[in-house]
Structures are given as structure tokens and as C-alpha cells.
Amino acid sequence: MPMTFVESTVRMEGACGVEDAPALGEWLEAVARPTADLKDSTHLHTAIVQALAEAAVPVSVAPADPFLARWVAPLLPVA
């Protein structure tokens, strides 16, 4: 699974597809102050980005992937 949930942080690795969105949504509803570690992510489906943006999830570790760093990370708050 490209997403690992550890306490209040979701760590995304590799490609996170639309099939991962329901698990992310459930986790976001259950956690009081979620954060996202995007360092090892290489692709985020728009459903994942939308869920993170709607919940205003701060990014604790920015993505190393140049595309995500330039176009996706600015859409999310910084922790």
C-alpha cells in the first residue's frame, strides 16, 4: 500500500491512486490534526490531492519529486 498511517501522519510512497482515496478519507475523519509526509511520493491522483486540500492537511515533509514539489505542494499548507 502506498500510504502508511502512523498516529497523525500519513506517509505516501510511490504512486497513490484513486483506489487509495477512500482509506485516506476515513483516516482524515478519524484524526484530529493530520499531517502528510510526501517525501517519497511520485504520483498523487487528483482525488488524493483534493482530499488533502479540502481537509487543509499540512505537509510535514515536502515531496522530492520535482513535479509534485512544483505543482502540488503549493496547494497544501506547510506544517
N, C-alpha and C. Protein backbone atom coordinates (compact mmCIF):
# COMPACT_ATOMS: atom_id res chain seq x y z
N MET A 1 0.85 -1.18 0.00
CA MET A 1 0.00 0.00 0.00
C MET A 1 0.90 1.24 0.00
N PRO A 2 0.60 2.18 -0.87
CA PRO A 2 1.44 3.37 -0.95
C PRO A 2 1.25 4.37 0.18
N MET A 3 0.26 4.14 1.05
CA MET A 3 0.03 5.04 2.18
C MET A 3 0.18 4.27 3.49
N THR A 4 0.94 4.87 4.40
CA THR A 4 1.10 4.30 5.74
C THR A 4 0.60 5.33 6.73
N PHE A 5 -0.29 4.90 7.61
CA PHE A 5 -0.85 5.79 8.61
C PHE A 5 -0.19 5.52 9.96
N VAL A 6 0.52 6.50 10.48
CA VAL A 6 1.19 6.38 11.76
C VAL A 6 0.74 7.55 12.62
N GLU A 7 -0.05 7.24 13.63
CA GLU A 7 -0.63 8.25 14.52
C GLU A 7 -1.31 9.34 13.69
N SER A 8 -0.79 10.55 13.71
CA SER A 8 -1.46 11.65 13.00
C SER A 8 -0.79 12.00 11.67
N THR A 9 0.08 11.13 11.17
CA THR A 9 0.77 11.39 9.90
C THR A 9 0.49 10.30 8.89
N VAL A 10 0.18 10.73 7.67
CA VAL A 10 0.08 9.79 6.56
C VAL A 10 1.35 9.94 5.75
N ARG A 11 2.02 8.81 5.52
CA ARG A 11 3.25 8.82 4.73
C ARG A 11 2.92 8.20 3.38
N MET A 12 3.12 8.96 2.32
CA MET A 12 2.80 8.50 0.98
C MET A 12 4.07 8.15 0.23
N GLU A 13 4.06 6.95 -0.35
CA GLU A 13 5.23 6.45 -1.08
C GLU A 13 4.80 6.00 -2.47
N GLY A 14 5.60 6.33 -3.45
CA GLY A 14 5.30 5.90 -4.81
C GLY A 14 4.05 6.56 -5.35
N ALA A 15 3.30 5.80 -6.12
CA ALA A 15 2.09 6.31 -6.75
C ALA A 15 0.86 6.01 -5.90
N CYS A 16 0.14 7.03 -5.53
CA CYS A 16 -1.11 6.89 -4.77
C CYS A 16 -2.26 7.12 -5.74
N GLY A 17 -3.03 6.06 -5.99
CA GLY A 17 -4.10 6.13 -6.96
C GLY A 17 -5.46 6.41 -6.36
N VAL A 18 -6.45 6.47 -7.21
CA VAL A 18 -7.82 6.74 -6.78
C VAL A 18 -8.32 5.67 -5.81
N GLU A 19 -7.82 4.46 -5.95
CA GLU A 19 -8.25 3.37 -5.05
C GLU A 19 -7.80 3.59 -3.61
N ASP A 20 -6.85 4.49 -3.40
CA ASP A 20 -6.37 4.81 -2.05
C ASP A 20 -7.17 5.93 -1.38
N ALA A 21 -7.98 6.63 -2.16
CA ALA A 21 -8.73 7.78 -1.64
C ALA A 21 -9.72 7.42 -0.52
N PRO A 22 -10.48 6.33 -0.62
CA PRO A 22 -11.41 6.02 0.47
C PRO A 22 -10.72 5.80 1.82
N ALA A 23 -9.60 5.10 1.81
CA ALA A 23 -8.86 4.87 3.07
C ALA A 23 -8.35 6.19 3.63
N LEU A 24 -7.87 7.07 2.76
CA LEU A 24 -7.40 8.38 3.20
C LEU A 24 -8.55 9.18 3.80
N GLY A 25 -9.70 9.16 3.14
CA GLY A 25 -10.86 9.89 3.64
C GLY A 25 -11.30 9.42 5.01
N GLU A 26 -11.34 8.11 5.21
CA GLU A 26 -11.71 7.56 6.51
C GLU A 26 -10.71 7.98 7.58
N TRP A 27 -9.44 7.92 7.25
CA TRP A 27 -8.40 8.30 8.21
C TRP A 27 -8.49 9.78 8.55
N LEU A 28 -8.74 10.63 7.54
CA LEU A 28 -8.85 12.07 7.79
C LEU A 28 -10.01 12.39 8.74
N GLU A 29 -11.10 11.63 8.63
CA GLU A 29 -12.24 11.83 9.52
C GLU A 29 -11.93 11.41 10.95
N ALA A 30 -11.02 10.46 11.12
CA ALA A 30 -10.74 9.89 12.44
C ALA A 30 -9.62 10.61 13.20
N VAL A 31 -8.81 11.40 12.50
CA VAL A 31 -7.64 12.03 13.12
C VAL A 31 -7.91 13.51 13.36
N ALA A 32 -7.54 13.97 14.55
CA ALA A 32 -7.81 15.37 14.92
C ALA A 32 -6.94 16.36 14.15
N ARG A 33 -5.64 16.15 14.11
CA ARG A 33 -4.72 17.07 13.43
C ARG A 33 -3.78 16.30 12.50
N PRO A 34 -4.29 15.91 11.34
CA PRO A 34 -3.46 15.11 10.44
C PRO A 34 -2.38 15.93 9.76
N THR A 35 -1.28 15.27 9.42
CA THR A 35 -0.22 15.85 8.60
C THR A 35 0.15 14.84 7.52
N ALA A 36 0.81 15.31 6.47
CA ALA A 36 1.20 14.44 5.36
C ALA A 36 2.69 14.52 5.10
N ASP A 37 3.30 13.36 4.97
CA ASP A 37 4.70 13.23 4.59
C ASP A 37 4.70 12.79 3.13
N LEU A 38 5.06 13.69 2.23
CA LEU A 38 5.01 13.41 0.79
C LEU A 38 6.40 13.15 0.19
N LYS A 39 7.40 13.04 1.02
CA LYS A 39 8.79 12.94 0.54
C LYS A 39 8.98 11.87 -0.54
N ASP A 40 8.46 10.68 -0.33
CA ASP A 40 8.70 9.58 -1.26
C ASP A 40 7.58 9.35 -2.26
N SER A 41 6.64 10.29 -2.35
CA SER A 41 5.55 10.12 -3.32
C SER A 41 6.04 10.51 -4.71
N THR A 42 5.54 9.77 -5.70
CA THR A 42 5.92 10.04 -7.09
C THR A 42 4.72 10.44 -7.94
N HIS A 43 3.52 10.11 -7.47
CA HIS A 43 2.29 10.46 -8.18
C HIS A 43 1.15 10.48 -7.17
N LEU A 44 0.34 11.52 -7.22
CA LEU A 44 -0.85 11.61 -6.38
C LEU A 44 -2.05 11.83 -7.28
N HIS A 45 -2.99 10.90 -7.25
CA HIS A 45 -4.22 11.06 -8.03
C HIS A 45 -4.92 12.33 -7.56
N THR A 46 -5.66 12.96 -8.44
CA THR A 46 -6.33 14.20 -8.06
C THR A 46 -7.30 14.00 -6.88
N ALA A 47 -7.85 12.80 -6.74
CA ALA A 47 -8.74 12.54 -5.58
C ALA A 47 -7.96 12.64 -4.27
N ILE A 48 -6.71 12.22 -4.27
CA ILE A 48 -5.86 12.31 -3.09
C ILE A 48 -5.54 13.77 -2.80
N VAL A 49 -5.16 14.51 -3.84
CA VAL A 49 -4.84 15.93 -3.67
C VAL A 49 -6.05 16.69 -3.18
N GLN A 50 -7.22 16.41 -3.74
CA GLN A 50 -8.45 17.09 -3.33
C GLN A 50 -8.78 16.80 -1.87
N ALA A 51 -8.63 15.55 -1.45
CA ALA A 51 -8.92 15.20 -0.05
C ALA A 51 -7.98 15.94 0.90
N LEU A 52 -6.70 15.98 0.56
CA LEU A 52 -5.73 16.69 1.40
C LEU A 52 -6.01 18.19 1.43
N ALA A 53 -6.34 18.75 0.26
CA ALA A 53 -6.60 20.19 0.19
C ALA A 53 -7.89 20.55 0.92
N GLU A 54 -8.92 19.77 0.75
CA GLU A 54 -10.21 20.05 1.41
C GLU A 54 -10.08 20.01 2.93
N ALA A 55 -9.28 19.07 3.42
CA ALA A 55 -9.07 18.94 4.86
C ALA A 55 -7.97 19.87 5.36
N ALA A 56 -7.34 20.62 4.44
CA ALA A 56 -6.24 21.53 4.78
C ALA A 56 -5.15 20.82 5.58
N VAL A 57 -4.77 19.65 5.09
CA VAL A 57 -3.74 18.85 5.76
C VAL A 57 -2.37 19.47 5.50
N PRO A 58 -1.66 19.86 6.55
CA PRO A 58 -0.33 20.43 6.34
C PRO A 58 0.69 19.36 5.93
N VAL A 59 1.62 19.77 5.08
CA VAL A 59 2.68 18.88 4.63
C VAL A 59 3.84 18.99 5.60
N SER A 60 4.18 17.88 6.25
CA SER A 60 5.29 17.88 7.20
C SER A 60 6.63 17.66 6.50
N VAL A 61 6.61 16.91 5.39
CA VAL A 61 7.82 16.68 4.59
C VAL A 61 7.43 16.86 3.12
N ALA A 62 8.05 17.82 2.47
CA ALA A 62 7.73 18.12 1.07
C ALA A 62 8.14 16.99 0.14
N PRO A 63 7.47 16.88 -1.00
CA PRO A 63 7.82 15.83 -1.95
C PRO A 63 9.18 16.08 -2.60
N ALA A 64 9.92 15.02 -2.82
CA ALA A 64 11.20 15.11 -3.53
C ALA A 64 10.98 15.16 -5.03
N ASP A 65 9.87 14.60 -5.49
CA ASP A 65 9.55 14.59 -6.91
C ASP A 65 9.37 16.03 -7.41
N PRO A 66 10.10 16.42 -8.46
CA PRO A 66 10.05 17.81 -8.93
C PRO A 66 8.65 18.29 -9.34
N PHE A 67 7.89 17.43 -10.01
CA PHE A 67 6.55 17.83 -10.44
C PHE A 67 5.66 18.09 -9.23
N LEU A 68 5.64 17.16 -8.28
CA LEU A 68 4.81 17.33 -7.09
C LEU A 68 5.25 18.53 -6.27
N ALA A 69 6.56 18.73 -6.18
CA ALA A 69 7.07 19.87 -5.41
C ALA A 69 6.64 21.20 -6.04
N ARG A 70 6.62 21.24 -7.36
CA ARG A 70 6.28 22.50 -8.02
C ARG A 70 4.77 22.76 -8.11
N TRP A 71 3.98 21.72 -8.40
CA TRP A 71 2.58 21.92 -8.71
C TRP A 71 1.60 21.49 -7.63
N VAL A 72 1.96 20.53 -6.81
CA VAL A 72 1.01 20.03 -5.79
C VAL A 72 1.29 20.61 -4.42
N ALA A 73 2.53 20.60 -3.98
CA ALA A 73 2.86 21.09 -2.64
C ALA A 73 2.36 22.51 -2.37
N PRO A 74 2.42 23.43 -3.34
CA PRO A 74 1.92 24.78 -3.06
C PRO A 74 0.41 24.85 -2.78
N LEU A 75 -0.32 23.81 -3.13
CA LEU A 75 -1.77 23.78 -2.88
C LEU A 75 -2.11 23.43 -1.44
N LEU A 76 -1.12 22.94 -0.70
CA LEU A 76 -1.34 22.47 0.67
C LEU A 76 -0.57 23.33 1.66
N PRO A 77 -1.13 23.48 2.87
CA PRO A 77 -0.38 24.24 3.89
C PRO A 77 0.89 23.51 4.32
N VAL A 78 1.81 24.24 4.89
CA VAL A 78 3.07 23.66 5.39
C VAL A 78 2.97 23.52 6.89
N ALA A 79 3.42 22.37 7.40
CA ALA A 79 3.37 22.12 8.85
C ALA A 79 4.46 22.88 9.56
